[in-house]
Each structure stands twice: as structure tokens, then as C-alpha cells.
């Protein structure tokens, strides 16, 4: 009779969560530090228009837009994988 080794313990709770999401957490922390440290006004040139706005506001808007685009792309990828799109 052959002995099978016991199954390896699986991580649960915070350890598994931290291991899975360490890169997004690190990038989010770096983005927050970058946004907080850049508070000067900047000029934004778009379609022959120039607008002055605080840098932190512009960077925050860009981060939110990036998250929205990433979520949209992920949703499309999941639909394509399942065969709905």
C-alpha cells in the first residue's frame, strides 16, 4: 500500500489576498504618493484649448479613466472567453 502525502496547506484569508494583489496595491500606493506630491497648477493643451488645473486633479482623473478602461477591457475579455461577445 502506497502512502500519499498529505495535501499542502492552502493559504486563506489575508495571506492569499496579499499574495494575489501585491502589485496592484503597490502601484496604487505609488500613484497616491505621486498625486499628493504634485500639487502645482499645470497647463493642459487639447484641441487648440489651454486649460489650467491643479496637477493632482488631472492625475486623479487620469487614474480613474485608466481604471475604467481596464475594467472595460477585462469585461470584454471575459465575455469573449465565455462566448457572449
Protein backbone atom coordinates (compact mmCIF):
# COMPACT_ATOMS: atom_id res chain seq x y z
CA UNK A 1 0.00 0.00 0.00
CA UNK A 2 1.44 3.34 -1.00
CA UNK A 3 1.16 6.31 1.25
CA UNK A 4 0.09 9.55 -0.38
CA UNK A 5 1.50 12.69 1.15
CA UNK A 6 -0.98 14.96 2.88
CA UNK A 7 -2.16 17.89 0.77
CA UNK A 8 -0.16 21.09 1.14
CA UNK A 9 -1.87 23.66 3.32
CA UNK A 10 -3.59 26.35 1.31
CA UNK A 11 -3.36 29.96 2.23
CA UNK A 12 -6.58 31.57 3.17
CA UNK A 13 -7.58 34.98 4.30
CA UNK A 14 -5.24 37.93 4.19
CA UNK A 15 -2.13 35.95 3.15
CA UNK A 16 -3.70 34.71 -0.08
CA UNK A 17 -5.22 38.10 -0.78
CA UNK A 18 -1.92 39.90 -0.21
CA UNK A 19 -0.03 37.46 -2.42
CA UNK A 20 -2.55 37.79 -5.25
CA UNK A 21 -2.89 41.58 -5.22
CA UNK A 22 0.54 42.84 -4.13
CA UNK A 23 1.30 44.51 -7.48
CA UNK A 24 -1.97 46.49 -7.78
CA UNK A 25 -1.64 47.58 -4.15
CA UNK A 26 1.94 48.73 -4.73
CA UNK A 27 1.02 50.61 -7.91
CA UNK A 28 -1.94 52.25 -6.18
CA UNK A 29 0.25 53.39 -3.31
CA UNK A 30 2.82 54.81 -5.73
CA UNK A 31 0.07 56.62 -7.67
CA UNK A 32 -1.34 58.14 -4.46
CA UNK A 33 2.12 59.34 -3.36
CA UNK A 34 2.77 60.81 -6.82
CA UNK A 35 -0.59 62.60 -6.86
CA UNK A 36 -0.17 64.01 -3.34
CA UNK A 37 3.34 65.33 -4.07
CA UNK A 38 2.37 67.10 -7.32
CA UNK A 39 0.06 69.94 -6.36
CA UNK A 40 1.17 72.76 -8.69
CA UNK A 41 -1.04 74.06 -11.45
CA UNK A 42 -0.35 72.70 -14.92
CA UNK A 43 -1.49 73.77 -18.38
CA UNK A 44 -3.37 71.24 -20.45
CA UNK A 45 -3.41 71.73 -24.23
CA UNK A 46 -6.16 69.85 -26.06
CA UNK A 47 -7.78 70.72 -29.41
CA UNK A 48 -6.40 74.29 -29.52
CA UNK A 49 -7.65 74.93 -25.99
CA UNK A 50 -5.49 75.55 -22.97
CA UNK A 51 -6.84 74.91 -19.50
CA UNK A 52 -5.00 75.40 -16.22
CA UNK A 53 -5.81 72.93 -13.45
CA UNK A 54 -4.16 71.55 -10.32
CA UNK A 55 -1.88 68.65 -11.20
CA UNK A 56 -3.37 66.43 -8.50
CA UNK A 57 -6.82 66.81 -10.08
CA UNK A 58 -5.56 65.98 -13.56
CA UNK A 59 -3.64 62.93 -12.32
CA UNK A 60 -6.62 61.72 -10.31
CA UNK A 61 -8.87 61.99 -13.36
CA UNK A 62 -6.30 60.07 -15.43
CA UNK A 63 -6.08 57.30 -12.83
CA UNK A 64 -9.87 56.97 -12.70
CA UNK A 65 -10.03 56.87 -16.51
CA UNK A 66 -7.31 54.21 -16.54
CA UNK A 67 -9.23 52.09 -14.04
CA UNK A 68 -12.41 52.45 -16.11
CA UNK A 69 -10.63 51.44 -19.34
CA UNK A 70 -9.02 48.47 -17.59
CA UNK A 71 -12.36 47.32 -16.18
CA UNK A 72 -14.00 47.65 -19.59
CA UNK A 73 -11.22 45.66 -21.27
CA UNK A 74 -11.41 42.95 -18.60
CA UNK A 75 -15.16 42.67 -19.01
CA UNK A 76 -14.79 42.32 -22.79
CA UNK A 77 -12.12 39.66 -22.35
CA UNK A 78 -14.36 37.67 -20.00
CA UNK A 79 -17.33 37.92 -22.38
CA UNK A 80 -15.17 36.82 -25.32
CA UNK A 81 -13.80 33.88 -23.32
CA UNK A 82 -17.29 32.75 -22.32
CA UNK A 83 -18.55 33.23 -25.89
CA UNK A 84 -21.03 36.01 -25.29
CA UNK A 85 -19.30 38.70 -27.34
